[in-house]
Amino acid sequence: MKSLILAEKPSVARDIADALQINQKRNGYFENNQYIVTWALGHLVTNATPEQYDKNLKEWRLEDLPIIPKYMKTVVIGKTSKHF
């Protein structure tokens, strides 16, 4: 079984890969027979908007506040979706 190492950004992942002597660079990660090193590129997900809970909340009205969902939903951010 391989261990996954998640770095903050690509340059840190590259430094970790160098330190672990990982020479195989893939699309979005480094890999050898023991480790996979990848990076997060900032935030991977964000909170869902009110309308993603209920279509009636698309237009904000004071009487709808506060909006407190039973469970918080997250949405994958488009530019970082391949890392999610």
Protein backbone atom coordinates (compact mmCIF):
# COMPACT_ATOMS: atom_id res chain seq x y z
CA MET A 1 0.00 0.00 0.00
CA LYS A 2 1.27 3.47 -0.89
CA SER A 3 1.19 6.50 1.38
CA LEU A 4 -0.34 9.73 0.10
CA ILE A 5 1.41 12.98 0.95
CA LEU A 6 -0.64 16.13 0.36
CA ALA A 7 1.38 19.33 0.08
CA GLU A 8 0.15 22.91 0.21
CA LYS A 9 1.35 23.80 -3.29
CA PRO A 10 3.30 22.34 -6.24
CA SER A 11 6.69 23.69 -5.19
CA VAL A 12 6.42 22.06 -1.76
CA ALA A 13 5.33 18.77 -3.36
CA ARG A 14 8.36 18.96 -5.66
CA ASP A 15 10.67 19.51 -2.68
CA ILE A 16 9.14 16.55 -0.83
CA ALA A 17 9.44 14.37 -3.93
CA ASP A 18 13.09 15.35 -4.29
CA ALA A 19 13.76 14.57 -0.62
CA LEU A 20 12.13 11.15 -1.00
CA GLN A 21 13.95 10.54 -4.32
CA ILE A 22 10.71 10.25 -6.27
CA ASN A 23 11.59 10.65 -9.94
CA GLN A 24 8.32 9.77 -11.68
CA LYS A 25 6.30 12.91 -12.40
CA ARG A 26 2.69 12.31 -13.43
CA ASN A 27 -0.15 14.66 -14.34
CA GLY A 28 -0.73 16.40 -11.00
CA TYR A 29 1.43 14.23 -8.74
CA PHE A 30 4.76 12.50 -8.18
CA GLU A 31 4.92 8.75 -7.58
CA ASN A 32 7.23 5.88 -6.74
CA ASN A 33 6.60 2.40 -5.34
CA GLN A 34 6.07 3.76 -1.81
CA TYR A 35 4.58 7.27 -2.09
CA ILE A 36 2.24 9.49 -4.05
CA VAL A 37 2.91 13.19 -3.52
CA THR A 38 0.35 15.72 -4.72
CA TRP A 39 -0.72 19.26 -3.86
CA ALA A 40 -3.90 21.13 -3.01
CA LEU A 41 -3.49 24.41 -4.94
CA GLY A 42 -5.32 26.37 -2.29
CA HIS A 43 -8.92 25.57 -1.53
CA LEU A 44 -10.36 22.43 -3.12
CA VAL A 45 -13.96 22.99 -2.05
CA THR A 46 -16.16 25.87 -0.97
CA ASN A 47 -19.44 26.14 0.92
CA ALA A 48 -22.60 25.62 -1.09
CA THR A 49 -24.64 28.73 -1.84
CA PRO A 50 -28.11 29.07 -0.33
CA GLU A 51 -29.75 28.27 -3.68
CA GLN A 52 -27.87 24.94 -3.79
CA TYR A 53 -29.85 23.97 -0.70
CA ASP A 54 -33.18 25.36 -1.89
CA LYS A 55 -33.95 26.97 -5.28
CA ASN A 56 -36.30 29.40 -3.48
CA LEU A 57 -33.27 30.97 -1.78
CA LYS A 58 -31.74 32.22 -5.05
CA GLU A 59 -33.03 35.72 -4.35
CA TRP A 60 -32.22 36.85 -0.84
CA ARG A 61 -35.02 38.05 1.38
CA LEU A 62 -34.59 39.29 4.92
CA GLU A 63 -37.35 36.99 6.17
CA ASP A 64 -35.34 33.93 4.99
CA LEU A 65 -32.46 34.79 7.32
CA PRO A 66 -30.71 33.19 9.06
CA ILE A 67 -30.11 30.31 6.69
CA ILE A 68 -28.89 27.45 8.87
CA PRO A 69 -28.84 24.10 7.05
CA LYS A 70 -29.00 20.87 9.02
CA TYR A 71 -25.90 19.62 7.18
CA MET A 72 -23.31 21.83 5.48
CA LYS A 73 -22.74 21.04 1.80
CA THR A 74 -19.51 21.67 -0.05
CA VAL A 75 -18.91 22.23 -3.75
CA VAL A 76 -15.71 21.35 -5.61
CA ILE A 77 -14.02 24.45 -7.03
CA GLY A 78 -13.70 24.13 -10.81
CA LYS A 79 -10.03 25.06 -11.25
CA THR A 80 -8.89 22.54 -8.61
CA SER A 81 -11.35 19.74 -9.43
CA LYS A 82 -8.73 17.34 -10.82
CA HIS A 83 -7.06 17.30 -7.39
CA PHE A 84 -10.24 16.52 -5.50
